[in-house]
Amino acid sequence: MRIGSAVCECMIYDAHSLKEKRAVLQRILTRLKQKFNVSVAEVGYQDVWQRTKIAIVVVTSSRISSELELQNALKLIDSFPEIERTITEIEWL
């Protein structure tokens, strides 16, 4: 069993309120949960308008599967034009 986690800091430049930020985040988090076998949550900067920290965790039978799932989830985040991923840390347990 392999557990992989990715924690990424992101910028949402067009958000001018927490409500706008959460609308963007909700779309992304929902899409990640629907499309991939991952758990995902906002874990930092909850009270900041244009900045967020997202954690993605995956559990699979092999490291290759975990890595593929995490990379696909990160690509999905990158496909949203309203958010920019700045720092990403990946860990294996």
N, C-alpha and C. Protein backbone atom coordinates (compact mmCIF):
# COMPACT_ATOMS: atom_id res chain seq x y z
N MET A 1 0.85 -1.18 0.00
CA MET A 1 0.00 0.00 0.00
C MET A 1 0.89 1.23 0.00
N ARG A 2 0.53 2.20 -0.84
CA ARG A 2 1.28 3.45 -0.93
C ARG A 2 0.35 4.63 -0.69
N ILE A 3 0.81 5.55 0.14
CA ILE A 3 0.06 6.78 0.41
C ILE A 3 0.89 7.94 -0.12
N GLY A 4 0.30 8.73 -0.96
CA GLY A 4 0.97 9.90 -1.49
C GLY A 4 0.17 11.14 -1.18
N SER A 5 0.88 12.22 -0.90
CA SER A 5 0.18 13.49 -0.66
C SER A 5 0.87 14.61 -1.41
N ALA A 6 0.07 15.52 -1.89
CA ALA A 6 0.58 16.72 -2.55
C ALA A 6 -0.08 17.91 -1.86
N VAL A 7 0.74 18.84 -1.43
CA VAL A 7 0.24 20.08 -0.84
C VAL A 7 0.70 21.20 -1.76
N CYS A 8 -0.27 21.94 -2.30
CA CYS A 8 0.11 23.01 -3.22
C CYS A 8 -0.48 24.34 -2.80
N GLU A 9 0.38 25.33 -2.88
CA GLU A 9 -0.06 26.70 -2.67
C GLU A 9 -0.46 27.26 -4.02
N CYS A 10 -1.55 28.00 -4.02
CA CYS A 10 -2.08 28.54 -5.27
C CYS A 10 -2.50 29.98 -5.09
N MET A 11 -2.53 30.70 -6.20
CA MET A 11 -3.01 32.08 -6.23
C MET A 11 -4.27 32.14 -7.09
N ILE A 12 -5.24 32.91 -6.62
CA ILE A 12 -6.47 33.16 -7.38
C ILE A 12 -6.53 34.67 -7.55
N TYR A 13 -5.92 35.17 -8.62
CA TYR A 13 -5.71 36.61 -8.77
C TYR A 13 -7.00 37.40 -8.93
N ASP A 14 -8.03 36.81 -9.53
CA ASP A 14 -9.26 37.56 -9.79
C ASP A 14 -10.26 37.53 -8.65
N ALA A 15 -9.92 36.89 -7.54
CA ALA A 15 -10.84 36.84 -6.40
C ALA A 15 -10.73 38.15 -5.62
N HIS A 16 -11.86 38.80 -5.42
CA HIS A 16 -11.88 40.07 -4.68
C HIS A 16 -12.64 39.95 -3.37
N SER A 17 -12.99 38.71 -3.01
CA SER A 17 -13.65 38.46 -1.73
C SER A 17 -13.49 36.98 -1.40
N LEU A 18 -13.73 36.63 -0.16
CA LEU A 18 -13.69 35.22 0.22
C LEU A 18 -14.75 34.43 -0.51
N LYS A 19 -15.89 35.06 -0.78
CA LYS A 19 -16.97 34.38 -1.49
C LYS A 19 -16.53 33.99 -2.91
N GLU A 20 -15.86 34.91 -3.61
CA GLU A 20 -15.37 34.61 -4.96
C GLU A 20 -14.30 33.52 -4.92
N LYS A 21 -13.41 33.60 -3.94
CA LYS A 21 -12.36 32.59 -3.80
C LYS A 21 -12.98 31.22 -3.56
N ARG A 22 -13.93 31.14 -2.66
CA ARG A 22 -14.55 29.85 -2.33
C ARG A 22 -15.34 29.28 -3.49
N ALA A 23 -15.91 30.14 -4.32
CA ALA A 23 -16.63 29.66 -5.50
C ALA A 23 -15.67 28.95 -6.46
N VAL A 24 -14.52 29.54 -6.69
CA VAL A 24 -13.50 28.94 -7.56
C VAL A 24 -13.01 27.63 -6.94
N LEU A 25 -12.68 27.68 -5.66
CA LEU A 25 -12.16 26.49 -4.97
C LEU A 25 -13.17 25.36 -4.96
N GLN A 26 -14.42 25.67 -4.72
CA GLN A 26 -15.45 24.64 -4.66
C GLN A 26 -15.56 23.90 -5.98
N ARG A 27 -15.50 24.64 -7.09
CA ARG A 27 -15.54 24.02 -8.42
C ARG A 27 -14.38 23.06 -8.60
N ILE A 28 -13.18 23.50 -8.22
CA ILE A 28 -11.98 22.69 -8.41
C ILE A 28 -12.00 21.46 -7.50
N LEU A 29 -12.31 21.65 -6.22
CA LEU A 29 -12.31 20.53 -5.28
C LEU A 29 -13.36 19.49 -5.65
N THR A 30 -14.54 19.94 -6.05
CA THR A 30 -15.60 19.01 -6.46
C THR A 30 -15.17 18.21 -7.67
N ARG A 31 -14.57 18.88 -8.64
CA ARG A 31 -14.11 18.21 -9.86
C ARG A 31 -13.05 17.17 -9.55
N LEU A 32 -12.11 17.51 -8.66
CA LEU A 32 -11.06 16.57 -8.27
C LEU A 32 -11.66 15.31 -7.63
N LYS A 33 -12.62 15.51 -6.73
CA LYS A 33 -13.24 14.38 -6.05
C LYS A 33 -14.03 13.49 -7.01
N GLN A 34 -14.68 14.12 -8.00
CA GLN A 34 -15.49 13.37 -8.95
C GLN A 34 -14.63 12.58 -9.93
N LYS A 35 -13.54 13.20 -10.36
CA LYS A 35 -12.76 12.63 -11.45
C LYS A 35 -11.69 11.63 -10.99
N PHE A 36 -11.16 11.83 -9.79
CA PHE A 36 -10.05 10.99 -9.33
C PHE A 36 -10.38 10.35 -7.98
N ASN A 37 -9.65 9.30 -7.66
CA ASN A 37 -9.83 8.59 -6.39
C ASN A 37 -8.91 9.24 -5.34
N VAL A 38 -9.24 10.47 -4.96
CA VAL A 38 -8.41 11.24 -4.04
C VAL A 38 -9.28 11.88 -2.97
N SER A 39 -8.63 12.24 -1.87
CA SER A 39 -9.25 13.11 -0.87
C SER A 39 -8.59 14.46 -1.01
N VAL A 40 -9.37 15.50 -0.90
CA VAL A 40 -8.83 16.84 -1.13
C VAL A 40 -9.50 17.84 -0.20
N ALA A 41 -8.72 18.82 0.26
CA ALA A 41 -9.27 19.86 1.15
C ALA A 41 -8.39 21.10 1.10
N GLU A 42 -9.00 22.23 1.42
CA GLU A 42 -8.23 23.45 1.61
C GLU A 42 -7.65 23.40 3.02
N VAL A 43 -6.34 23.52 3.14
CA VAL A 43 -5.68 23.35 4.44
C VAL A 43 -4.93 24.59 4.91
N GLY A 44 -4.98 25.65 4.14
CA GLY A 44 -4.28 26.86 4.58
C GLY A 44 -4.82 28.10 3.90
N TYR A 45 -4.58 29.23 4.53
CA TYR A 45 -4.97 30.55 4.01
C TYR A 45 -6.48 30.66 3.80
N GLN A 46 -7.27 30.08 4.70
CA GLN A 46 -8.72 30.12 4.53
C GLN A 46 -9.29 31.54 4.61
N ASP A 47 -8.61 32.43 5.29
CA ASP A 47 -9.13 33.79 5.45
C ASP A 47 -8.45 34.82 4.55
N VAL A 48 -7.74 34.34 3.54
CA VAL A 48 -7.06 35.23 2.60
C VAL A 48 -7.76 35.13 1.26
N TRP A 49 -8.02 36.26 0.62
CA TRP A 49 -8.81 36.27 -0.62
C TRP A 49 -8.15 35.58 -1.79
N GLN A 50 -6.90 35.88 -2.05
CA GLN A 50 -6.29 35.45 -3.31
C GLN A 50 -5.29 34.32 -3.17
N ARG A 51 -5.18 33.74 -2.01
CA ARG A 51 -4.19 32.69 -1.78
C ARG A 51 -4.86 31.50 -1.12
N THR A 52 -4.39 30.30 -1.46
CA THR A 52 -4.94 29.10 -0.84
C THR A 52 -3.87 28.01 -0.79
N LYS A 53 -4.11 27.04 0.05
CA LYS A 53 -3.25 25.86 0.13
C LYS A 53 -4.18 24.65 0.08
N ILE A 54 -3.95 23.78 -0.90
CA ILE A 54 -4.79 22.61 -1.13
C ILE A 54 -3.97 21.35 -0.87
N ALA A 55 -4.56 20.41 -0.14
CA ALA A 55 -3.92 19.11 0.10
C ALA A 55 -4.69 18.03 -0.65
N ILE A 56 -3.94 17.18 -1.34
CA ILE A 56 -4.52 16.05 -2.07
C ILE A 56 -3.84 14.80 -1.55
N VAL A 57 -4.63 13.79 -1.18
CA VAL A 57 -4.07 12.54 -0.67
C VAL A 57 -4.66 11.37 -1.45
N VAL A 58 -3.79 10.40 -1.77
CA VAL A 58 -4.22 9.23 -2.51
C VAL A 58 -3.62 7.98 -1.85
N VAL A 59 -4.41 6.91 -1.83
CA VAL A 59 -3.95 5.62 -1.32
C VAL A 59 -4.20 4.58 -2.40
N THR A 60 -3.12 3.91 -2.84
CA THR A 60 -3.25 2.86 -3.84
C THR A 60 -2.34 1.69 -3.48
N SER A 61 -2.36 0.68 -4.31
CA SER A 61 -1.56 -0.51 -4.03
C SER A 61 -0.10 -0.36 -4.45
N SER A 62 0.20 0.61 -5.32
CA SER A 62 1.58 0.79 -5.75
C SER A 62 1.94 2.27 -5.86
N ARG A 63 3.22 2.55 -5.75
CA ARG A 63 3.67 3.94 -5.85
C ARG A 63 3.40 4.51 -7.24
N ILE A 64 3.53 3.71 -8.25
CA ILE A 64 3.30 4.19 -9.62
C ILE A 64 1.86 4.66 -9.77
N SER A 65 0.92 3.87 -9.25
CA SER A 65 -0.50 4.26 -9.33
C SER A 65 -0.75 5.55 -8.55
N SER A 66 -0.16 5.64 -7.37
CA SER A 66 -0.34 6.85 -6.55
C SER A 66 0.23 8.07 -7.26
N GLU A 67 1.42 7.90 -7.81
CA GLU A 67 2.07 9.03 -8.49
C GLU A 67 1.27 9.48 -9.70
N LEU A 68 0.75 8.54 -10.47
CA LEU A 68 -0.06 8.86 -11.64
C LEU A 68 -1.33 9.61 -11.23
N GLU A 69 -1.98 9.14 -10.19
CA GLU A 69 -3.22 9.78 -9.71
C GLU A 69 -2.94 11.20 -9.23
N LEU A 70 -1.85 11.38 -8.48
CA LEU A 70 -1.50 12.73 -8.00
C LEU A 70 -1.15 13.66 -9.16
N GLN A 71 -0.36 13.16 -10.11
CA GLN A 71 0.03 14.01 -11.25
C GLN A 71 -1.19 14.41 -12.08
N ASN A 72 -2.13 13.49 -12.26
CA ASN A 72 -3.35 13.82 -13.00
C ASN A 72 -4.19 14.84 -12.24
N ALA A 73 -4.24 14.73 -10.92
CA ALA A 73 -4.99 15.70 -10.11
C ALA A 73 -4.34 17.08 -10.22
N LEU A 74 -3.01 17.13 -10.19
CA LEU A 74 -2.31 18.42 -10.32
C LEU A 74 -2.51 19.02 -11.70
N LYS A 75 -2.54 18.18 -12.73
CA LYS A 75 -2.81 18.67 -14.09
C LYS A 75 -4.21 19.28 -14.17
N LEU A 76 -5.16 18.66 -13.48
CA LEU A 76 -6.53 19.19 -13.49
C LEU A 76 -6.55 20.58 -12.85
N ILE A 77 -5.85 20.73 -11.72
CA ILE A 77 -5.79 22.06 -11.10
C ILE A 77 -5.20 23.06 -12.08
N ASP A 78 -4.14 22.67 -12.77
CA ASP A 78 -3.48 23.57 -13.74
C ASP A 78 -4.36 23.90 -14.92
N SER A 79 -5.37 23.09 -15.19
CA SER A 79 -6.24 23.35 -16.35
C SER A 79 -7.25 24.47 -16.10
N PHE A 80 -7.41 24.88 -14.84
CA PHE A 80 -8.33 25.98 -14.53
C PHE A 80 -7.59 27.30 -14.70
N PRO A 81 -8.05 28.17 -15.60
CA PRO A 81 -7.32 29.42 -15.85
C PRO A 81 -7.36 30.41 -14.69
N GLU A 82 -8.33 30.28 -13.79
CA GLU A 82 -8.47 31.26 -12.71
C GLU A 82 -7.56 30.99 -11.52
N ILE A 83 -6.81 29.88 -11.54
CA ILE A 83 -5.94 29.55 -10.40
C ILE A 83 -4.54 29.23 -10.92
N GLU A 84 -3.54 29.67 -10.16
CA GLU A 84 -2.14 29.39 -10.53
C GLU A 84 -1.47 28.65 -9.38
N ARG A 85 -0.94 27.47 -9.68
CA ARG A 85 -0.23 26.69 -8.68
C ARG A 85 1.19 27.24 -8.58
N THR A 86 1.63 27.59 -7.35
CA THR A 86 2.94 28.21 -7.20
C THR A 86 3.96 27.27 -6.56
N ILE A 87 3.64 26.65 -5.45
CA ILE A 87 4.56 25.75 -4.75
C ILE A 87 3.84 24.42 -4.52
N THR A 88 4.51 23.32 -4.87
CA THR A 88 3.91 22.00 -4.64
C THR A 88 4.93 21.11 -3.94
N GLU A 89 4.49 20.48 -2.86
CA GLU A 89 5.33 19.54 -2.13
C GLU A 89 4.64 18.17 -2.17
N ILE A 90 5.39 17.16 -2.61
CA ILE A 90 4.85 15.80 -2.68
C ILE A 90 5.58 14.95 -1.66
N GLU A 91 4.81 14.14 -0.92
CA GLU A 91 5.36 13.27 0.12
C GLU A 91 4.83 11.86 -0.06
N TRP A 92 5.65 10.86 0.32
CA TRP A 92 5.25 9.46 0.27
C TRP A 92 5.34 8.85 1.64
N LEU A 93 4.35 8.08 2.01
CA LEU A 93 4.35 7.39 3.30
C LEU A 93 4.32 5.89 3.09
